[in-house]
Amino acid sequence: MKAVYGDYPLLPERSQQERDPWYQWDHPDLRRNWGEPVRKD
C-alpha cells in the first residue's frame, strides 16, 4: 500500500544522478530547479 500525502503530487522515484546532466538546472550540483517539489520520503 502506498502512502497518501493529501494534495501533494505523486512524484516519480528517480535519483538525482538519473536526471539529465546537460540540462541547465538552477542548482546544477543537485540537478534541481527552483520551486520544484521534492519527494516527501
C-alpha atoms as a PDB file:
ATOM      1  CA  MET A   1       0.000   0.000   0.000  1.00  0.00           C
ATOM      2  CA  LYS A   2       1.379   3.406  -0.974  1.00  0.00           C
ATOM      3  CA  ALA A   3       1.345   6.297   1.439  1.00  0.00           C
ATOM      4  CA  VAL A   4      -1.026   9.161   0.650  1.00  0.00           C
ATOM      5  CA  TYR A   5       0.066  12.728   1.323  1.00  0.00           C
ATOM      6  CA  GLY A   6      -3.143  14.650   0.646  1.00  0.00           C
ATOM      7  CA  ASP A   7      -2.818  17.020  -2.312  1.00  0.00           C
ATOM      8  CA  TYR A   8       0.978  16.667  -2.517  1.00  0.00           C
ATOM      9  CA  PRO A   9       1.911  15.453  -6.035  1.00  0.00           C
ATOM     10  CA  LEU A  10       2.931  11.840  -6.578  1.00  0.00           C
ATOM     11  CA  LEU A  11       6.435  12.218  -7.996  1.00  0.00           C
ATOM     12  CA  PRO A  12       8.427   9.602  -9.908  1.00  0.00           C
ATOM     13  CA  GLU A  13      11.043   7.640  -7.980  1.00  0.00           C
ATOM     14  CA  ARG A  14      14.222   8.841  -9.707  1.00  0.00           C
ATOM     15  CA  SER A  15      17.545   9.716  -8.166  1.00  0.00           C
ATOM     16  CA  GLN A  16      19.339  12.954  -8.928  1.00  0.00           C
ATOM     17  CA  GLN A  17      22.038  11.023 -10.785  1.00  0.00           C
ATOM     18  CA  GLU A  18      19.405   9.685 -13.216  1.00  0.00           C
ATOM     19  CA  ARG A  19      18.449  13.203 -14.274  1.00  0.00           C
ATOM     20  CA  ASP A  20      19.911  14.848 -17.389  1.00  0.00           C
ATOM     21  CA  PRO A  21      23.366  16.256 -16.518  1.00  0.00           C
ATOM     22  CA  TRP A  22      23.378  18.575 -19.571  1.00  0.00           C
ATOM     23  CA  TYR A  23      20.105  20.355 -18.708  1.00  0.00           C
ATOM     24  CA  GLN A  24      20.505  23.939 -17.433  1.00  0.00           C
ATOM     25  CA  TRP A  25      19.491  23.343 -13.801  1.00  0.00           C
ATOM     26  CA  ASP A  26      19.075  26.228 -11.336  1.00  0.00           C
ATOM     27  CA  HIS A  27      21.124  24.144  -8.877  1.00  0.00           C
ATOM     28  CA  PRO A  28      23.368  22.003 -11.113  1.00  0.00           C
ATOM     29  CA  ASP A  29      25.104  20.211  -8.232  1.00  0.00           C
ATOM     30  CA  LEU A  30      21.688  18.952  -7.016  1.00  0.00           C
ATOM     31  CA  ARG A  31      20.126  18.738 -10.519  1.00  0.00           C
ATOM     32  CA  ARG A  32      17.063  20.656  -9.304  1.00  0.00           C
ATOM     33  CA  ASN A  33      15.184  23.751 -10.396  1.00  0.00           C
ATOM     34  CA  TRP A  34      13.907  26.475  -8.108  1.00  0.00           C
ATOM     35  CA  GLY A  35      10.380  25.751  -6.865  1.00  0.00           C
ATOM     36  CA  GLU A  36      10.475  22.107  -7.911  1.00  0.00           C
ATOM     37  CA  PRO A  37       8.688  19.825  -5.433  1.00  0.00           C
ATOM     38  CA  VAL A  38      10.749  17.181  -3.643  1.00  0.00           C
ATOM     39  CA  ARG A  39       9.707  13.714  -2.546  1.00  0.00           C
ATOM     40  CA  LYS A  40       8.375  13.507   0.985  1.00  0.00           C
ATOM     41  CA  ASP A  41      10.193  10.271   1.766  1.00  0.00           C
END
